[in-house]
Protein backbone atom coordinates (compact mmCIF):
# COMPACT_ATOMS: atom_id res chain seq x y z
CA MET A 1 -2.43 -30.67 29.26
CA LEU A 2 -2.91 -27.33 27.11
CA LYS A 3 -0.09 -25.37 27.06
CA GLU A 4 0.32 -21.65 25.87
CA THR A 5 2.61 -23.32 23.12
CA ALA A 6 0.00 -25.06 21.15
CA ALA A 7 0.21 -24.43 17.49
CA GLY A 8 -0.93 -25.83 14.25
CA VAL A 9 -4.43 -27.02 13.68
CA TYR A 10 -6.90 -27.84 16.44
CA VAL A 11 -9.61 -29.11 13.97
CA ILE A 12 -13.30 -27.70 15.36
CA SER A 13 -15.01 -31.51 15.42
CA ALA A 14 -18.65 -32.03 14.27
CA THR A 15 -20.63 -34.29 16.32
CA PRO A 16 -21.82 -37.62 14.30
CA PHE A 17 -25.77 -38.15 14.35
CA GLN A 18 -27.45 -41.03 13.15
CA GLU A 19 -30.65 -40.29 10.86
CA ASP A 20 -32.81 -40.89 13.85
CA GLY A 21 -30.89 -38.08 15.86
CA ARG A 22 -29.12 -40.25 18.01
CA VAL A 23 -24.95 -39.62 18.59
CA ASP A 24 -23.29 -42.11 15.94
CA ASP A 25 -20.59 -43.76 18.01
CA VAL A 26 -19.23 -45.95 14.99
CA SER A 27 -18.90 -42.50 13.00
CA THR A 28 -17.22 -40.99 15.99
CA ASP A 29 -14.37 -43.45 15.81
CA GLN A 30 -14.24 -43.16 12.05
CA MET A 31 -13.92 -39.06 12.22
CA VAL A 32 -11.11 -39.02 14.87
CA GLU A 33 -8.96 -40.91 12.85
CA PHE A 34 -9.94 -39.10 9.74
CA TYR A 35 -8.82 -36.13 11.59
CA ARG A 36 -5.40 -37.60 12.89
CA GLY A 37 -4.76 -38.53 9.33
CA CYS A 38 -4.98 -34.97 8.23
CA ARG A 39 -2.27 -34.29 10.70
CA VAL A 40 -4.04 -32.19 13.17
CA SER A 41 -2.14 -30.90 16.20
CA GLY A 42 -5.18 -31.26 18.40
CA MET A 43 -9.25 -31.28 18.29
CA THR A 44 -11.79 -29.22 19.83
CA ILE A 45 -15.16 -31.02 20.49
CA LEU A 46 -18.75 -29.46 21.42
CA GLY A 47 -18.01 -26.15 20.02
CA MET A 48 -20.57 -23.92 17.85
CA MET A 49 -20.18 -26.50 14.86
CA GLY A 50 -20.69 -29.53 17.25
CA GLU A 51 -24.04 -28.53 18.06
CA ALA A 52 -23.22 -28.69 21.83
CA PRO A 53 -26.62 -27.19 22.60
CA LYS A 54 -28.41 -30.03 21.36
CA LEU A 55 -26.60 -32.53 24.06
CA ASP A 56 -27.51 -32.99 27.09
CA VAL A 57 -25.11 -33.20 29.86
CA GLY A 58 -24.51 -37.06 29.95
CA GLU A 59 -24.48 -37.03 25.92
CA ALA A 60 -21.75 -34.55 26.09
CA ILE A 61 -19.55 -36.14 28.78
CA GLY A 62 -20.34 -39.71 26.82
CA PHE A 63 -19.29 -38.16 23.36
CA SER A 64 -16.30 -36.11 25.07
CA CYS A 65 -14.77 -39.34 27.01
CA ARG A 66 -15.15 -41.44 23.66
CA VAL A 67 -13.45 -38.85 21.97
CA VAL A 68 -10.22 -38.24 24.27
CA LYS A 69 -10.18 -41.87 24.55
CA ARG A 70 -10.06 -42.64 20.91
CA ALA A 71 -7.48 -39.57 20.13
CA GLY A 72 -4.82 -41.37 21.55
CA GLY A 73 -3.03 -38.74 23.22
CA LEU A 74 -4.02 -36.18 21.07
CA PRO A 75 -4.82 -32.98 22.64
CA VAL A 76 -8.60 -32.43 22.74
CA VAL A 77 -10.00 -29.36 23.97
CA VAL A 78 -14.00 -29.34 25.22
CA GLY A 79 -16.37 -26.32 24.74
CA VAL A 80 -18.25 -26.17 28.06
CA SER A 81 -20.03 -23.05 27.58
CA ALA A 82 -23.44 -23.24 29.35
CA PRO A 83 -26.18 -21.03 30.94
CA GLY A 84 -24.98 -21.74 34.48
CA PHE A 85 -22.26 -22.85 36.25
CA ALA A 86 -23.34 -26.05 37.58
CA ALA A 87 -23.44 -27.60 34.14
CA MET A 88 -19.91 -26.09 32.94
CA ARG A 89 -18.42 -27.39 36.33
CA THR A 90 -19.87 -31.05 35.81
CA LEU A 91 -19.11 -31.12 32.22
CA SER A 92 -15.76 -29.58 32.74
CA LEU A 93 -14.48 -31.98 35.43
CA ALA A 94 -15.79 -35.26 33.73
CA VAL A 95 -13.86 -34.53 30.60
CA MET A 96 -10.60 -33.71 32.74
CA ASP A 97 -10.66 -36.63 34.51
CA ALA A 98 -10.89 -38.13 31.28
CA GLY A 99 -8.32 -36.72 29.84
CA ALA A 100 -8.94 -33.61 27.78
CA ALA A 101 -6.42 -31.23 27.55
CA GLY A 102 -8.56 -28.09 28.54
CA VAL A 103 -11.85 -26.26 28.18
CA MET A 104 -13.24 -23.59 25.87
CA ILE A 105 -15.43 -20.91 27.45
CA ALA A 106 -17.32 -18.25 25.68
CA PRO A 107 -19.07 -15.26 27.16
CA PRO A 108 -22.69 -15.08 27.41
CA HIS A 109 -24.40 -12.84 24.96
CA THR A 110 -26.03 -10.72 28.04
CA LEU A 111 -22.57 -9.57 28.99
CA ARG A 112 -21.38 -5.86 27.51
CA THR A 113 -18.84 -4.18 29.98
CA ASP A 114 -15.40 -4.92 30.54
CA ASP A 115 -15.90 -5.38 34.32
CA GLN A 116 -18.67 -7.77 33.53
CA LEU A 117 -16.86 -9.72 31.21
CA ALA A 118 -13.65 -10.09 33.46
CA GLY A 119 -15.88 -10.79 36.44
CA TYR A 120 -17.54 -13.47 34.42
CA TYR A 121 -14.14 -15.16 33.76
CA ASP A 122 -13.40 -14.76 37.27
CA GLN A 123 -16.32 -16.75 38.23
CA CYS A 124 -15.73 -19.43 35.07
CA VAL A 125 -12.48 -19.93 36.51
CA ALA A 126 -13.97 -20.33 40.55
CA ALA A 127 -16.43 -23.14 39.06
CA ILE A 128 -14.17 -25.24 36.83
CA GLY A 129 -11.04 -24.99 39.39
CA ALA A 130 -8.14 -22.66 38.95
CA ASP A 131 -5.81 -25.88 37.76
CA VAL A 132 -7.89 -26.23 34.48
CA PRO A 133 -6.64 -24.90 31.39
CA PHE A 134 -9.22 -22.81 29.29
CA VAL A 135 -9.63 -21.29 26.15
CA ILE A 136 -10.97 -17.66 25.40
CA GLN A 137 -13.47 -18.05 22.70
CA ASP A 138 -13.62 -14.66 21.10
CA TYR A 139 -16.48 -14.82 18.65
CA PRO A 140 -18.40 -11.53 18.44
CA LEU A 141 -20.12 -12.36 15.29
CA ALA A 142 -22.06 -15.24 16.95
CA SER A 143 -21.94 -14.05 20.50
CA GLY A 144 -22.75 -10.13 20.41
CA VAL A 145 -20.04 -9.69 22.73
CA MET A 146 -17.15 -7.52 21.96
CA MET A 147 -13.37 -8.24 23.46
CA ALA A 148 -10.94 -5.73 23.24
CA PRO A 149 -7.36 -6.60 23.26
CA GLN A 150 -6.90 -5.16 26.82
CA LEU A 151 -9.83 -6.98 28.39
CA ILE A 152 -8.38 -10.07 26.79
CA ARG A 153 -4.70 -8.72 28.41
CA ARG A 154 -6.50 -8.20 31.77
CA ILE A 155 -8.38 -11.98 31.66
CA VAL A 156 -4.99 -13.83 30.70
CA THR A 157 -3.02 -11.97 33.55
CA ALA A 158 -5.82 -12.43 36.21
CA HIS A 159 -5.73 -16.13 35.23
CA PRO A 160 -2.62 -18.19 34.60
CA SER A 161 -4.81 -21.36 33.65
CA CYS A 162 -5.80 -19.13 30.47
CA LYS A 163 -3.19 -20.60 27.92
CA MET A 164 -5.24 -20.00 24.78
CA LEU A 165 -7.36 -17.09 22.46
CA LYS A 166 -9.52 -18.93 19.84
CA HIS A 167 -9.77 -15.44 18.03
CA GLU A 168 -12.80 -15.23 15.44
CA ASP A 169 -13.16 -11.30 15.48
CA TRP A 170 -13.98 -9.83 12.02
CA PRO A 171 -12.23 -8.25 10.97
CA GLY A 172 -9.51 -8.98 13.42
CA LEU A 173 -5.82 -8.74 12.22
CA GLU A 174 -5.03 -5.70 14.11
CA LYS A 175 -6.41 -7.36 17.21
CA ILE A 176 -3.59 -10.35 16.66
CA SER A 177 -0.76 -7.48 16.11
CA VAL A 178 -2.21 -5.67 19.30
CA LEU A 179 -1.92 -8.73 21.11
CA ARG A 180 1.33 -10.12 19.90
CA GLY A 181 2.50 -6.19 20.93
CA PHE A 182 1.38 -6.73 24.13
CA GLN A 183 3.68 -9.67 24.69
CA LYS A 184 6.60 -8.31 23.14
CA ASP A 185 6.73 -5.07 25.53
CA GLY A 186 5.99 -7.48 28.38
CA THR A 187 2.52 -6.02 29.39
CA MET A 188 1.03 -9.58 28.61
CA ARG A 189 2.62 -13.16 28.94
CA PRO A 190 2.62 -15.25 25.79
CA ILE A 191 -0.52 -17.27 25.23
CA SER A 192 -1.18 -19.52 22.15
CA ILE A 193 -3.39 -17.87 19.27
CA LEU A 194 -5.67 -19.97 17.21
CA THR A 195 -8.03 -18.01 14.89
CA GLY A 196 -11.61 -19.45 13.21
CA ASN A 197 -14.23 -18.08 11.00
CA GLY A 198 -14.02 -21.04 8.82
CA GLY A 199 -10.50 -20.24 7.84
CA LEU A 200 -11.34 -17.31 5.87
CA PHE A 201 -8.63 -15.33 7.02
CA ILE A 202 -5.64 -17.61 8.09
CA ASP A 203 -3.39 -16.66 5.52
CA PHE A 204 -2.72 -13.18 6.70
CA GLU A 205 -3.72 -14.27 10.72
CA MET A 206 -0.49 -16.43 10.61
CA GLU A 207 1.50 -13.62 9.18
CA ARG A 208 0.40 -11.38 12.10
CA GLY A 209 1.73 -13.93 14.47
CA ALA A 210 -1.28 -16.65 14.60
CA ASP A 211 -0.05 -19.76 15.88
CA GLY A 212 -2.57 -21.67 14.06
CA ALA A 213 -6.08 -22.33 13.14
CA MET A 214 -9.09 -23.72 15.48
CA THR A 215 -11.63 -24.07 12.90
CA GLY A 216 -13.94 -26.88 11.19
CA TYR A 217 -13.31 -26.45 7.67
CA ALA A 218 -13.77 -29.48 6.15
CA PHE A 219 -10.33 -30.10 4.38
CA PRO A 220 -7.97 -29.49 8.02
CA ASP A 221 -5.28 -31.35 6.10
CA MET A 222 -5.24 -28.25 3.71
CA LEU A 223 -5.24 -26.08 6.76
CA THR A 224 -2.11 -28.13 8.17
CA ASP A 225 -0.14 -27.63 4.65
CA LEU A 226 -0.98 -23.94 4.40
CA ILE A 227 0.64 -23.43 8.20
CA ASP A 228 3.37 -25.54 6.86
CA CYS A 229 4.26 -23.37 4.07
CA GLN A 230 3.90 -19.73 6.47
CA ASN A 231 6.20 -21.37 8.96
CA ALA A 232 8.77 -22.60 6.11
CA GLY A 233 8.83 -19.05 5.09
CA GLU A 234 6.72 -20.37 1.80
CA ARG A 235 4.58 -17.09 1.63
CA ASP A 236 3.62 -17.52 -2.09
CA THR A 237 3.01 -21.40 -1.84
CA ALA A 238 0.74 -20.80 1.01
CA HIS A 239 -1.54 -18.11 -0.65
CA ASP A 240 -1.90 -20.38 -3.56
CA LEU A 241 -2.98 -23.14 -1.84
CA PHE A 242 -5.33 -20.74 0.01
CA ASP A 243 -6.59 -19.28 -2.95
CA ALA A 244 -7.16 -22.66 -4.45
CA HIS A 245 -9.69 -23.23 -1.49
CA LEU A 246 -11.21 -19.79 -0.91
CA PRO A 247 -14.52 -20.11 -2.81
CA LEU A 248 -14.94 -23.50 -0.93
CA LEU A 249 -14.18 -21.66 2.23
CA ARG A 250 -16.35 -18.97 1.79
CA TYR A 251 -19.62 -20.97 0.69
CA GLU A 252 -19.10 -23.03 3.75
CA GLN A 253 -19.18 -20.08 6.11
CA GLN A 254 -22.44 -19.16 5.38
CA PRO A 255 -24.63 -18.67 8.45
CA GLY A 256 -27.31 -21.23 8.93
CA VAL A 257 -26.30 -23.83 5.94
CA GLY A 258 -22.72 -24.09 6.96
CA LEU A 259 -22.80 -26.88 9.14
CA ALA A 260 -24.81 -28.61 6.43
CA VAL A 261 -22.17 -27.91 3.92
CA ARG A 262 -19.33 -28.90 6.31
CA LYS A 263 -21.24 -32.41 7.13
CA TYR A 264 -21.88 -32.96 3.64
CA ILE A 265 -18.24 -32.70 2.41
CA LEU A 266 -17.16 -34.78 5.57
CA MET A 267 -19.43 -37.63 4.87
CA ARG A 268 -18.12 -37.78 1.14
CA ARG A 269 -14.55 -37.47 2.17
CA GLY A 270 -15.41 -40.77 4.38
CA ALA A 271 -15.12 -38.92 7.75
CA ILE A 272 -18.33 -39.68 8.94
CA ARG A 273 -21.33 -41.85 7.83
CA SER A 274 -23.95 -39.40 7.42
CA ASP A 275 -24.25 -35.63 7.11
CA ALA A 276 -27.05 -35.61 9.70
CA GLN A 277 -27.63 -33.02 12.07
CA ARG A 278 -29.80 -33.31 15.47
CA MET A 279 -32.69 -31.17 15.19
CA PRO A 280 -33.14 -28.23 14.57
CA ALA A 281 -31.30 -27.91 11.69
CA SER A 282 -31.00 -26.85 8.48
CA LYS A 283 -30.44 -29.24 5.33
CA LEU A 284 -28.80 -28.59 1.81
CA SER A 285 -31.46 -27.64 -0.82
CA ALA A 286 -30.87 -29.96 -4.25
CA ALA A 287 -29.45 -26.49 -5.70
CA ALA A 288 -27.14 -26.18 -2.71
CA ARG A 289 -25.96 -29.63 -2.92
CA ALA A 290 -25.64 -28.94 -6.70
CA GLU A 291 -23.41 -25.94 -5.98
CA VAL A 292 -21.05 -27.35 -3.43
CA ASP A 293 -20.38 -30.36 -5.79
CA TYR A 294 -19.58 -27.96 -8.15
CA LEU A 295 -17.13 -26.40 -5.96
CA LEU A 296 -15.61 -29.49 -5.26
CA ASN A 297 -15.04 -30.22 -8.83
CA ARG A 298 -13.29 -26.84 -9.54
CA LEU A 299 -11.05 -27.71 -6.49
CA ALA A 300 -10.19 -30.75 -7.61
CA ARG A 301 -8.23 -29.07 -10.70
CA ARG A 302 -5.99 -27.92 -8.11
CA ASP A 303 -6.08 -29.77 -5.18
CA THR A 304 -6.43 -33.45 -5.67
CA ARG A 305 -7.98 -34.18 -2.33
CA ALA A 306 -11.22 -33.16 -3.70
CA ALA A 307 -11.14 -35.30 -6.71
CA GLY A 308 -14.21 -37.61 -6.70
CA LEU A 309 -15.99 -36.24 -3.95
CA ALA A 310 -18.91 -34.70 -5.86
CA SER A 311 -22.38 -36.83 -5.68
């Protein structure tokens, strides 16, 4: 079960597809082994990078159960955000029965006030059960929903089953400091804070009190190395590693085309057999692919993990 002490890299997993749009079971197994080889602390599936809205409930359950089984005890968090609570409950109960560590829930874009948002999470817990550990996904750039630290504290206080915040506010460094301040003064119990945004701010997020990353960058092993350096007090080494990857991190974080970039690199790294997305999808143009190859070749000068990946 997911705990408030969770730390490290919970990689946001892609969902592998075959060229005809079917979920690729062979690539799914291959991808899980790749992530395990990157020393991740856990996996998060069916997030925004996982093309979750493109799967029906049966596919989502089947994919989740396969990942959980293949993960062999590695904690797996499943995104269960849905327009209605019936689908959320069905998916949540199925994946928890299969051995998932917890679920992740993002607020719908229609909510604006703190009371509306707090009430929504009250209803979510009522739907999935108070015994199901859950993650608050705070991603205002995608959802349009702003969640102040005081609101997050309110949700955490109301629901002991809330174990983690996936923090993707931008800029968000001060939010981390405020939340850790709440914990320090005793007004909020400790929770895990893992950060997203493709890893663009992980260098300073760790220094502000984040426990790690929950993102889909195609080099999750770099993120584990960086976090190890930060935890060991090797600040300059961590920042040097981050700086080497920053051009690719930035390129990969582009709205729309970012998933295509990630899947292309994951394919080149041998994590998946194809970079196919389920429609509707954005594809890399020849010019974009050449730019990614250029960035990989430049990265290889400072990190051998990128060597030989360009097509």
